[in-house]
Amino acid sequence: MTVKIHFKIAYTHHTRDYEFSEDTTIRELIAFIQKRAYTDFVFFKIDPIEYPCITIVEMGQYNNVNGYDPELAPAIQSSDETLKELYNGNYERNAFYIRYSNYPPLG
């Protein structure tokens, strides 16, 4: 089964949907987004070799350990758990923020 998952650059209006097999592991999802963010989002026009620090955060985590903003919630952790295992086949409301792990220097 193919699953459509919505991604949004934190604090922007830039979004994109990607399709994954429900057997995709969290490790594979993270690797895919870390690679594709640099080509698919104009926001990430920084050399990924020089600055490859992209974090993926599950949406909807208000009042997290980093404050009220769900964009600041802790990143998802890489694992061999599949999307199907993690979400028990319920993909309707799954979406993620993409943000820099550490913000690059300005200028």
PDB file of N, CA and C in Angstrom:
ATOM      1  N   MET A   1       0.840  -1.178   0.000  1.00  0.00           N
ATOM      2  CA  MET A   1       0.000   0.000   0.000  1.00  0.00           C
ATOM      3  C   MET A   1       0.891   1.250   0.000  1.00  0.00           C
ATOM      4  N   THR A   2       0.481   2.253  -0.748  1.00  0.00           N
ATOM      5  CA  THR A   2       1.202   3.523  -0.797  1.00  0.00           C
ATOM      6  C   THR A   2       0.511   4.538   0.109  1.00  0.00           C
ATOM      7  N   VAL A   3       1.313   5.307   0.819  1.00  0.00           N
ATOM      8  CA  VAL A   3       0.822   6.286   1.777  1.00  0.00           C
ATOM      9  C   VAL A   3       1.294   7.670   1.356  1.00  0.00           C
ATOM     10  N   LYS A   4       0.376   8.636   1.303  1.00  0.00           N
ATOM     11  CA  LYS A   4       0.751  10.022   1.009  1.00  0.00           C
ATOM     12  C   LYS A   4       0.945  10.752   2.337  1.00  0.00           C
ATOM     13  N   ILE A   5       2.132  11.354   2.493  1.00  0.00           N
ATOM     14  CA  ILE A   5       2.444  12.081   3.725  1.00  0.00           C
ATOM     15  C   ILE A   5       2.795  13.518   3.386  1.00  0.00           C
ATOM     16  N   HIS A   6       2.238  14.431   4.159  1.00  0.00           N
ATOM     17  CA  HIS A   6       2.392  15.866   3.953  1.00  0.00           C
ATOM     18  C   HIS A   6       3.587  16.378   4.772  1.00  0.00           C
ATOM     19  N   PHE A   7       4.417  17.214   4.122  1.00  0.00           N
ATOM     20  CA  PHE A   7       5.567  17.834   4.786  1.00  0.00           C
ATOM     21  C   PHE A   7       5.481  19.341   4.606  1.00  0.00           C
ATOM     22  N   LYS A   8       5.872  20.075   5.639  1.00  0.00           N
ATOM     23  CA  LYS A   8       5.841  21.546   5.616  1.00  0.00           C
ATOM     24  C   LYS A   8       7.130  22.059   6.238  1.00  0.00           C
ATOM     25  N   ILE A   9       7.728  23.044   5.587  1.00  0.00           N
ATOM     26  CA  ILE A   9       8.900  23.692   6.184  1.00  0.00           C
ATOM     27  C   ILE A   9       8.399  24.503   7.375  1.00  0.00           C
ATOM     28  N   ALA A  10       8.970  24.269   8.526  1.00  0.00           N
ATOM     29  CA  ALA A  10       8.541  24.945   9.749  1.00  0.00           C
ATOM     30  C   ALA A  10       8.531  26.457   9.562  1.00  0.00           C
ATOM     31  N   TYR A  11       7.464  27.069  10.028  1.00  0.00           N
ATOM     32  CA  TYR A  11       7.286  28.524  10.028  1.00  0.00           C
ATOM     33  C   TYR A  11       7.217  29.145   8.631  1.00  0.00           C
ATOM     34  N   THR A  12       6.859  28.364   7.625  1.00  0.00           N
ATOM     35  CA  THR A  12       6.691  28.894   6.269  1.00  0.00           C
ATOM     36  C   THR A  12       5.394  28.342   5.685  1.00  0.00           C
ATOM     37  N   HIS A  13       5.104  28.717   4.456  1.00  0.00           N
ATOM     38  CA  HIS A  13       3.945  28.165   3.747  1.00  0.00           C
ATOM     39  C   HIS A  13       4.364  27.089   2.736  1.00  0.00           C
ATOM     40  N   HIS A  14       5.642  26.731   2.699  1.00  0.00           N
ATOM     41  CA  HIS A  14       6.158  25.766   1.735  1.00  0.00           C
ATOM     42  C   HIS A  14       5.791  24.339   2.148  1.00  0.00           C
ATOM     43  N   THR A  15       5.048  23.663   1.286  1.00  0.00           N
ATOM     44  CA  THR A  15       4.617  22.297   1.587  1.00  0.00           C
ATOM     45  C   THR A  15       4.834  21.393   0.381  1.00  0.00           C
ATOM     46  N   ARG A  16       4.803  20.117   0.654  1.00  0.00           N
ATOM     47  CA  ARG A  16       4.927  19.121  -0.417  1.00  0.00           C
ATOM     48  C   ARG A  16       4.456  17.776   0.132  1.00  0.00           C
ATOM     49  N   ASP A  17       3.802  17.015  -0.719  1.00  0.00           N
ATOM     50  CA  ASP A  17       3.386  15.668  -0.365  1.00  0.00           C
ATOM     51  C   ASP A  17       4.309  14.667  -1.050  1.00  0.00           C
ATOM     52  N   TYR A  18       4.623  13.601  -0.333  1.00  0.00           N
ATOM     53  CA  TYR A  18       5.414  12.511  -0.893  1.00  0.00           C
ATOM     54  C   TYR A  18       4.662  11.214  -0.642  1.00  0.00           C
ATOM     55  N   GLU A  19       4.866  10.262  -1.522  1.00  0.00           N
ATOM     56  CA  GLU A  19       4.263   8.948  -1.342  1.00  0.00           C
ATOM     57  C   GLU A  19       5.334   7.949  -0.923  1.00  0.00           C
ATOM     58  N   PHE A  20       4.960   7.126   0.042  1.00  0.00           N
ATOM     59  CA  PHE A  20       5.850   6.104   0.580  1.00  0.00           C
ATOM     60  C   PHE A  20       5.095   4.789   0.663  1.00  0.00           C
ATOM     61  N   SER A  21       5.815   3.702   0.581  1.00  0.00           N
ATOM     62  CA  SER A  21       5.242   2.400   0.894  1.00  0.00           C
ATOM     63  C   SER A  21       5.016   2.375   2.398  1.00  0.00           C
ATOM     64  N   GLU A  22       3.957   1.725   2.837  1.00  0.00           N
ATOM     65  CA  GLU A  22       3.730   1.656   4.280  1.00  0.00           C
ATOM     66  C   GLU A  22       4.788   0.790   4.968  1.00  0.00           C
ATOM     67  N   ASP A  23       5.593   0.100   4.186  1.00  0.00           N
ATOM     68  CA  ASP A  23       6.701  -0.684   4.734  1.00  0.00           C
ATOM     69  C   ASP A  23       7.995   0.122   4.843  1.00  0.00           C
ATOM     70  N   THR A  24       7.939   1.404   4.503  1.00  0.00           N
ATOM     71  CA  THR A  24       9.095   2.293   4.646  1.00  0.00           C
ATOM     72  C   THR A  24       9.425   2.440   6.124  1.00  0.00           C
ATOM     73  N   THR A  25      10.688   2.315   6.466  1.00  0.00           N
ATOM     74  CA  THR A  25      11.089   2.505   7.865  1.00  0.00           C
ATOM     75  C   THR A  25      11.245   3.994   8.155  1.00  0.00           C
ATOM     76  N   ILE A  26      11.227   4.326   9.418  1.00  0.00           N
ATOM     77  CA  ILE A  26      11.446   5.720   9.830  1.00  0.00           C
ATOM     78  C   ILE A  26      12.840   6.156   9.394  1.00  0.00           C
ATOM     79  N   ARG A  27      13.797   5.282   9.468  1.00  0.00           N
ATOM     80  CA  ARG A  27      15.170   5.576   9.015  1.00  0.00           C
ATOM     81  C   ARG A  27      15.173   5.956   7.527  1.00  0.00           C
ATOM     82  N   GLU A  28      14.444   5.198   6.705  1.00  0.00           N
ATOM     83  CA  GLU A  28      14.369   5.468   5.263  1.00  0.00           C
ATOM     84  C   GLU A  28      13.626   6.761   4.977  1.00  0.00           C
ATOM     85  N   LEU A  29      12.558   7.032   5.722  1.00  0.00           N
ATOM     86  CA  LEU A  29      11.790   8.270   5.548  1.00  0.00           C
ATOM     87  C   LEU A  29      12.677   9.480   5.840  1.00  0.00           C
ATOM     88  N   ILE A  30      13.408   9.429   6.945  1.00  0.00           N
ATOM     89  CA  ILE A  30      14.297  10.532   7.317  1.00  0.00           C
ATOM     90  C   ILE A  30      15.366  10.735   6.251  1.00  0.00           C
ATOM     91  N   ALA A  31      15.996   9.669   5.806  1.00  0.00           N
ATOM     92  CA  ALA A  31      17.053   9.772   4.788  1.00  0.00           C
ATOM     93  C   ALA A  31      16.501  10.360   3.492  1.00  0.00           C
ATOM     94  N   PHE A  32      15.313   9.938   3.099  1.00  0.00           N
ATOM     95  CA  PHE A  32      14.694  10.450   1.876  1.00  0.00           C
ATOM     96  C   PHE A  32      14.454  11.957   1.981  1.00  0.00           C
ATOM     97  N   ILE A  33      13.861  12.390   3.071  1.00  0.00           N
ATOM     98  CA  ILE A  33      13.552  13.819   3.240  1.00  0.00           C
ATOM     99  C   ILE A  33      14.819  14.638   3.383  1.00  0.00           C
ATOM    100  N   GLN A  34      15.796  14.141   4.111  1.00  0.00           N
ATOM    101  CA  GLN A  34      17.046  14.889   4.256  1.00  0.00           C
ATOM    102  C   GLN A  34      17.705  15.112   2.903  1.00  0.00           C
ATOM    103  N   LYS A  35      17.575  14.174   2.012  1.00  0.00           N
ATOM    104  CA  LYS A  35      18.163  14.314   0.678  1.00  0.00           C
ATOM    105  C   LYS A  35      17.301  15.199  -0.228  1.00  0.00           C
ATOM    106  N   ARG A  36      16.005  14.978  -0.227  1.00  0.00           N
ATOM    107  CA  ARG A  36      15.105  15.677  -1.157  1.00  0.00           C
ATOM    108  C   ARG A  36      14.816  17.131  -0.778  1.00  0.00           C
ATOM    109  N   ALA A  37      14.920  17.469   0.482  1.00  0.00           N
ATOM    110  CA  ALA A  37      14.613  18.838   0.901  1.00  0.00           C
ATOM    111  C   ALA A  37      15.476  19.857   0.171  1.00  0.00           C
ATOM    112  N   TYR A  38      16.713  19.486  -0.127  1.00  0.00           N
ATOM    113  CA  TYR A  38      17.626  20.419  -0.783  1.00  0.00           C
ATOM    114  C   TYR A  38      17.279  20.650  -2.247  1.00  0.00           C
ATOM    115  N   THR A  39      16.577  19.724  -2.869  1.00  0.00           N
ATOM    116  CA  THR A  39      16.212  19.899  -4.275  1.00  0.00           C
ATOM    117  C   THR A  39      14.758  20.309  -4.453  1.00  0.00           C
ATOM    118  N   ASP A  40      13.890  19.923  -3.528  1.00  0.00           N
ATOM    119  CA  ASP A  40      12.459  20.162  -3.701  1.00  0.00           C
ATOM    120  C   ASP A  40      11.938  21.429  -3.043  1.00  0.00           C
ATOM    121  N   PHE A  41      12.685  22.007  -2.132  1.00  0.00           N
ATOM    122  CA  PHE A  41      12.246  23.222  -1.444  1.00  0.00           C
ATOM    123  C   PHE A  41      13.252  24.341  -1.686  1.00  0.00           C
ATOM    124  N   VAL A  42      12.775  25.438  -2.218  1.00  0.00           N
ATOM    125  CA  VAL A  42      13.641  26.585  -2.475  1.00  0.00           C
ATOM    126  C   VAL A  42      14.244  27.116  -1.169  1.00  0.00           C
ATOM    127  N   PHE A  43      13.571  26.876  -0.065  1.00  0.00           N
ATOM    128  CA  PHE A  43      14.020  27.330   1.246  1.00  0.00           C
ATOM    129  C   PHE A  43      15.397  26.772   1.605  1.00  0.00           C
ATOM    130  N   PHE A  44      15.693  25.562   1.165  1.00  0.00           N
ATOM    131  CA  PHE A  44      16.944  24.891   1.517  1.00  0.00           C
ATOM    132  C   PHE A  44      17.973  25.006   0.405  1.00  0.00           C
ATOM    133  N   LYS A  45      18.273  26.202  -0.016  1.00  0.00           N
ATOM    134  CA  LYS A  45      19.271  26.391  -1.069  1.00  0.00           C
ATOM    135  C   LYS A  45      20.648  26.625  -0.471  1.00  0.00           C
ATOM    136  N   ILE A  46      20.984  25.794   0.475  1.00  0.00           N
ATOM    137  CA  ILE A  46      22.314  25.799   1.079  1.00  0.00           C
ATOM    138  C   ILE A  46      22.954  24.473   0.701  1.00  0.00           C
ATOM    139  N   ASP A  47      24.225  24.494   0.418  1.00  0.00           N
ATOM    140  CA  ASP A  47      24.927  23.283  -0.008  1.00  0.00           C
ATOM    141  C   ASP A  47      24.774  22.173   1.031  1.00  0.00           C
ATOM    142  N   PRO A  48      24.104  21.051   0.681  1.00  0.00           N
ATOM    143  CA  PRO A  48      23.891  19.982   1.660  1.00  0.00           C
ATOM    144  C   PRO A  48      25.177  19.308   2.126  1.00  0.00           C
ATOM    145  N   ILE A  49      26.238  19.405   1.343  1.00  0.00           N
ATOM    146  CA  ILE A  49      27.522  18.851   1.781  1.00  0.00           C
ATOM    147  C   ILE A  49      28.097  19.724   2.885  1.00  0.00           C
ATOM    148  N   GLU A  50      27.908  21.021   2.716  1.00  0.00           N
ATOM    149  CA  GLU A  50      28.436  21.977   3.685  1.00  0.00           C
ATOM    150  C   GLU A  50      27.551  22.058   4.933  1.00  0.00           C
ATOM    151  N   TYR A  51      26.245  21.897   4.750  1.00  0.00           N
ATOM    152  CA  TYR A  51      25.320  22.082   5.869  1.00  0.00           C
ATOM    153  C   TYR A  51      24.169  21.078   5.782  1.00  0.00           C
ATOM    154  N   PRO A  52      24.416  19.807   6.115  1.00  0.00           N
ATOM    155  CA  PRO A  52      23.401  18.762   5.922  1.00  0.00           C
ATOM    156  C   PRO A  52      22.501  18.503   7.128  1.00  0.00           C
ATOM    157  N   CYS A  53      22.120  19.517   7.870  1.00  0.00           N
ATOM    158  CA  CYS A  53      21.421  19.295   9.133  1.00  0.00           C
ATOM    159  C   CYS A  53      19.924  19.586   9.046  1.00  0.00           C
ATOM    160  N   ILE A  54      19.176  18.621   8.584  1.00  0.00           N
ATOM    161  CA  ILE A  54      17.730  18.773   8.502  1.00  0.00           C
ATOM    162  C   ILE A  54      17.084  17.815   9.485  1.00  0.00           C
ATOM    163  N   THR A  55      16.094  18.328  10.207  1.00  0.00           N
ATOM    164  CA  THR A  55      15.376  17.565  11.216  1.00  0.00           C
ATOM    165  C   THR A  55      13.924  17.429  10.790  1.00  0.00           C
ATOM    166  N   ILE A  56      13.313  16.291  11.111  1.00  0.00           N
ATOM    167  CA  ILE A  56      11.917  16.051  10.787  1.00  0.00           C
ATOM    168  C   ILE A  56      11.148  15.901  12.091  1.00  0.00           C
ATOM    169  N   VAL A  57      10.047  16.652  12.191  1.00  0.00           N
ATOM    170  CA  VAL A  57       9.268  16.712  13.424  1.00  0.00           C
ATOM    171  C   VAL A  57       7.818  16.365  13.105  1.00  0.00           C
ATOM    172  N   GLU A  58       7.236  15.490  13.883  1.00  0.00           N
ATOM    173  CA  GLU A  58       5.837  15.151  13.687  1.00  0.00           C
ATOM    174  C   GLU A  58       4.968  16.339  14.091  1.00  0.00           C
ATOM    175  N   MET A  59       3.997  16.690  13.244  1.00  0.00           N
ATOM    176  CA  MET A  59       3.110  17.824  13.524  1.00  0.00           C
ATOM    177  C   MET A  59       2.175  17.501  14.682  1.00  0.00           C
ATOM    178  N   GLY A  60       1.666  18.572  15.308  1.00  0.00           N
ATOM    179  CA  GLY A  60       0.636  18.430  16.330  1.00  0.00           C
ATOM    180  C   GLY A  60       1.137  18.255  17.744  1.00  0.00           C
ATOM    181  N   GLN A  61       2.403  18.490  17.984  1.00  0.00           N
ATOM    182  CA  GLN A  61       2.968  18.300  19.320  1.00  0.00           C
ATOM    183  C   GLN A  61       3.029  19.623  20.092  1.00  0.00           C
ATOM    184  N   TYR A  62       1.876  20.141  20.444  1.00  0.00           N
ATOM    185  CA  TYR A  62       1.818  21.362  21.254  1.00  0.00           C
ATOM    186  C   TYR A  62       2.262  21.032  22.672  1.00  0.00           C
ATOM    187  N   ASN A  63       2.731  22.037  23.385  1.00  0.00           N
ATOM    188  CA  ASN A  63       3.194  21.853  24.762  1.00  0.00           C
ATOM    189  C   ASN A  63       4.230  20.742  24.871  1.00  0.00           C
ATOM    190  N   ASN A  64       5.205  20.790  23.988  1.00  0.00           N
ATOM    191  CA  ASN A  64       6.287  19.805  24.026  1.00  0.00           C
ATOM    192  C   ASN A  64       7.405  20.301  24.943  1.00  0.00           C
ATOM    193  N   VAL A  65       8.441  19.538  25.100  1.00  0.00           N
ATOM    194  CA  VAL A  65       9.524  19.899  26.031  1.00  0.00           C
ATOM    195  C   VAL A  65      10.257  21.177  25.643  1.00  0.00           C
ATOM    196  N   ASN A  66      10.106  21.629  24.386  1.00  0.00           N
ATOM    197  CA  ASN A  66      10.785  22.850  23.934  1.00  0.00           C
ATOM    198  C   ASN A  66       9.865  24.068  23.905  1.00  0.00           C
ATOM    199  N   GLY A  67       8.653  23.935  24.414  1.00  0.00           N
ATOM    200  CA  GLY A  67       7.725  25.062  24.433  1.00  0.00           C
ATOM    201  C   GLY A  67       6.393  24.695  23.800  1.00  0.00           C
ATOM    202  N   TYR A  68       5.620  25.721  23.457  1.00  0.00           N
ATOM    203  CA  TYR A  68       4.278  25.488  22.915  1.00  0.00           C
ATOM    204  C   TYR A  68       4.275  25.233  21.411  1.00  0.00           C
ATOM    205  N   ASP A  69       5.236  25.794  20.686  1.00  0.00           N
ATOM    206  CA  ASP A  69       5.258  25.648  19.226  1.00  0.00           C
ATOM    207  C   ASP A  69       5.504  24.197  18.817  1.00  0.00           C
ATOM    208  N   PRO A  70       4.597  23.616  18.035  1.00  0.00           N
ATOM    209  CA  PRO A  70       4.828  22.237  17.577  1.00  0.00           C
ATOM    210  C   PRO A  70       6.037  22.130  16.659  1.00  0.00           C
ATOM    211  N   GLU A  71       6.413  23.227  15.993  1.00  0.00           N
ATOM    212  CA  GLU A  71       7.589  23.213  15.126  1.00  0.00           C
ATOM    213  C   GLU A  71       8.879  22.991  15.905  1.00  0.00           C
ATOM    214  N   LEU A  72       8.848  23.288  17.194  1.00  0.00           N
ATOM    215  CA  LEU A  72      10.033  23.141  18.037  1.00  0.00           C
ATOM    216  C   LEU A  72      10.095  21.800  18.767  1.00  0.00           C
ATOM    217  N   ALA A  73       9.123  20.945  18.530  1.00  0.00           N
ATOM    218  CA  ALA A  73       9.094  19.638  19.206  1.00  0.00           C
ATOM    219  C   ALA A  73      10.333  18.833  18.837  1.00  0.00           C
ATOM    220  N   PRO A  74      10.682  17.873  19.656  1.00  0.00           N
ATOM    221  CA  PRO A  74      11.840  17.028  19.353  1.00  0.00           C
ATOM    222  C   PRO A  74      11.669  16.297  18.017  1.00  0.00           C
ATOM    223  N   ALA A  75      12.765  16.096  17.346  1.00  0.00           N
ATOM    224  CA  ALA A  75      12.775  15.401  16.056  1.00  0.00           C
ATOM    225  C   ALA A  75      12.383  13.938  16.224  1.00  0.00           C
ATOM    226  N   ILE A  76      11.839  13.364  15.152  1.00  0.00           N
ATOM    227  CA  ILE A  76      11.581  11.926  15.187  1.00  0.00           C
ATOM    228  C   ILE A  76      12.924  11.209  15.192  1.00  0.00           C
ATOM    229  N   GLN A  77      12.954  10.093  15.840  1.00  0.00           N
ATOM    230  CA  GLN A  77      14.192   9.329  15.972  1.00  0.00           C
ATOM    231  C   GLN A  77      14.254   8.234  14.917  1.00  0.00           C
ATOM    232  N   SER A  78      15.398   8.086  14.328  1.00  0.00           N
ATOM    233  CA  SER A  78      15.624   7.067  13.318  1.00  0.00           C
ATOM    234  C   SER A  78      15.423   5.680  13.934  1.00  0.00           C
ATOM    235  N   SER A  79      14.691   4.824  13.211  1.00  0.00           N
ATOM    236  CA  SER A  79      14.477   3.462  13.693  1.00  0.00           C
ATOM    237  C   SER A  79      14.100   2.567  12.516  1.00  0.00           C
ATOM    238  N   ASP A  80      14.059   1.275  12.768  1.00  0.00           N
ATOM    239  CA  ASP A  80      13.649   0.319  11.754  1.00  0.00           C
ATOM    240  C   ASP A  80      12.149   0.030  11.816  1.00  0.00           C
ATOM    241  N   GLU A  81      11.437   0.769  12.632  1.00  0.00           N
ATOM    242  CA  GLU A  81       9.974   0.635  12.695  1.00  0.00           C
ATOM    243  C   GLU A  81       9.385   1.158  11.385  1.00  0.00           C
ATOM    244  N   THR A  82       8.416   0.459  10.845  1.00  0.00           N
ATOM    245  CA  THR A  82       7.800   0.890   9.582  1.00  0.00           C
ATOM    246  C   THR A  82       6.678   1.885   9.854  1.00  0.00           C
ATOM    247  N   LEU A  83       6.276   2.591   8.804  1.00  0.00           N
ATOM    248  CA  LEU A  83       5.138   3.506   8.926  1.00  0.00           C
ATOM    249  C   LEU A  83       3.900   2.745   9.372  1.00  0.00           C
ATOM    250  N   LYS A  84       3.716   1.560   8.816  1.00  0.00           N
ATOM    251  CA  LYS A  84       2.554   0.735   9.175  1.00  0.00           C
ATOM    252  C   LYS A  84       2.567   0.383  10.663  1.00  0.00           C
ATOM    253  N   GLU A  85       3.733   0.022  11.184  1.00  0.00           N
ATOM    254  CA  GLU A  85       3.841  -0.317  12.605  1.00  0.00           C
ATOM    255  C   GLU A  85       3.630   0.907  13.490  1.00  0.00           C
ATOM    256  N   LEU A  86       4.225   2.018  13.100  1.00  0.00           N
ATOM    257  CA  LEU A  86       4.152   3.223  13.911  1.00  0.00           C
ATOM    258  C   LEU A  86       2.744   3.799  13.972  1.00  0.00           C
ATOM    259  N   TYR A  87       2.063   3.823  12.838  1.00  0.00           N
ATOM    260  CA  TYR A  87       0.748   4.464  12.778  1.00  0.00           C
ATOM    261  C   TYR A  87      -0.413   3.486  12.708  1.00  0.00           C
ATOM    262  N   ASN A  88      -0.122   2.210  12.841  1.00  0.00           N
ATOM    263  CA  ASN A  88      -1.159   1.182  12.882  1.00  0.00           C
ATOM    264  C   ASN A  88      -2.126   1.292  11.697  1.00  0.00           C
ATOM    265  N   GLY A  89      -1.587   1.647  10.539  1.00  0.00           N
ATOM    266  CA  GLY A  89      -2.400   1.740   9.335  1.00  0.00           C
ATOM    267  C   GLY A  89      -3.266   2.982   9.246  1.00  0.00           C
ATOM    268  N   ASN A  90      -3.185   3.909  10.210  1.00  0.00           N
ATOM    269  CA  ASN A  90      -3.980   5.144  10.205  1.00  0.00           C
ATOM    270  C   ASN A  90      -3.104   6.308   9.758  1.00  0.00           C
ATOM    271  N   TYR A  91      -3.189   6.657   8.461  1.00  0.00           N
ATOM    272  CA  TYR A  91      -2.295   7.672   7.890  1.00  0.00           C
ATOM    273  C   TYR A  91      -2.985   8.995   7.595  1.00  0.00           C
ATOM    274  N   GLU A  92      -4.265   9.099   7.885  1.00  0.00           N
ATOM    275  CA  GLU A  92      -5.032  10.281   7.498  1.00  0.00           C
ATOM    276  C   GLU A  92      -4.492  11.583   8.050  1.00  0.00           C
ATOM    277  N   ARG A  93      -4.051  11.606   9.267  1.00  0.00           N
ATOM    278  CA  ARG A  93      -3.668  12.859   9.911  1.00  0.00           C
ATOM    279  C   ARG A  93      -2.162  12.979  10.148  1.00  0.00           C
ATOM    280  N   ASN A  94      -1.390  12.192   9.433  1.00  0.00           N
ATOM    281  CA  ASN A  94       0.049  12.217   9.646  1.00  0.00           C
ATOM    282  C   ASN A  94       0.697  13.262   8.749  1.00  0.00           C
ATOM    283  N   ALA A  95       1.494  14.111   9.367  1.00  0.00           N
ATOM    284  CA  ALA A  95       2.212  15.155   8.638  1.00  0.00           C
ATOM    285  C   ALA A  95       3.436  15.533   9.465  1.00  0.00           C
ATOM    286  N   PHE A  96       4.402  16.133   8.786  1.00  0.00           N
ATOM    287  CA  PHE A  96       5.666  16.452   9.443  1.00  0.00           C
ATOM    288  C   PHE A  96       6.135  17.853   9.070  1.00  0.00           C
ATOM    289  N   TYR A  97       6.851  18.466  10.014  1.00  0.00           N
ATOM    290  CA  TYR A  97       7.597  19.688   9.738  1.00  0.00           C
ATOM    291  C   TYR A  97       9.009  19.294   9.354  1.00  0.00           C
ATOM    292  N   ILE A  98       9.613  20.113   8.515  1.00  0.00           N
ATOM    293  CA  ILE A  98      11.037  19.981   8.199  1.00  0.00           C
ATOM    294  C   ILE A  98      11.687  21.270   8.681  1.00  0.00           C
ATOM    295  N   ARG A  99      12.764  21.149   9.400  1.00  0.00           N
ATOM    296  CA  ARG A  99      13.471  22.342   9.878  1.00  0.00           C
ATOM    297  C   ARG A  99      14.959  22.041   9.947  1.00  0.00           C
ATOM    298  N   TYR A 100      15.735  23.110  10.040  1.00  0.00           N
ATOM    299  CA  TYR A 100      17.166  22.921  10.265  1.00  0.00           C
ATOM    300  C   TYR A 100      17.372  22.433  11.694  1.00  0.00           C
ATOM    301  N   SER A 101      18.307  21.508  11.870  1.00  0.00           N
ATOM    302  CA  SER A 101      18.649  21.053  13.226  1.00  0.00           C
ATOM    303  C   SER A 101      19.293  22.196  13.984  1.00  0.00           C
ATOM    304  N   ASN A 102      20.209  22.855  13.325  1.00  0.00           N
ATOM    305  CA  ASN A 102      20.852  24.058  13.837  1.00  0.00           C
ATOM    306  C   ASN A 102      20.767  25.052  12.688  1.00  0.00           C
ATOM    307  N   TYR A 103      20.358  26.252  12.998  1.00  0.00           N
ATOM    308  CA  TYR A 103      20.181  27.219  11.933  1.00  0.00           C
ATOM    309  C   TYR A 103      21.518  27.612  11.326  1.00  0.00           C
ATOM    310  N   PRO A 104      21.585  27.701  10.000  1.00  0.00           N
ATOM    311  CA  PRO A 104      22.840  28.091   9.352  1.00  0.00           C
ATOM    312  C   PRO A 104      23.132  29.570   9.601  1.00  0.00           C
ATOM    313  N   PRO A 105      24.359  29.943   9.489  1.00  0.00           N
ATOM    314  CA  PRO A 105      24.697  31.353   9.677  1.00  0.00           C
ATOM    315  C   PRO A 105      24.021  32.205   8.602  1.00  0.00           C
ATOM    316  N   LEU A 106      23.555  33.379   9.001  1.00  0.00           N
ATOM    317  CA  LEU A 106      22.908  34.283   8.048  1.00  0.00           C
ATOM    318  C   LEU A 106      23.965  35.070   7.284  1.00  0.00           C
ATOM    319  N   GLY A 107      23.612  35.424   6.052  1.00  0.00           N
ATOM    320  CA  GLY A 107      24.510  36.271   5.268  1.00  0.00           C
ATOM    321  C   GLY A 107      25.274  35.561   4.298  1.00  0.00           C
TER     322      GLY A 107
END
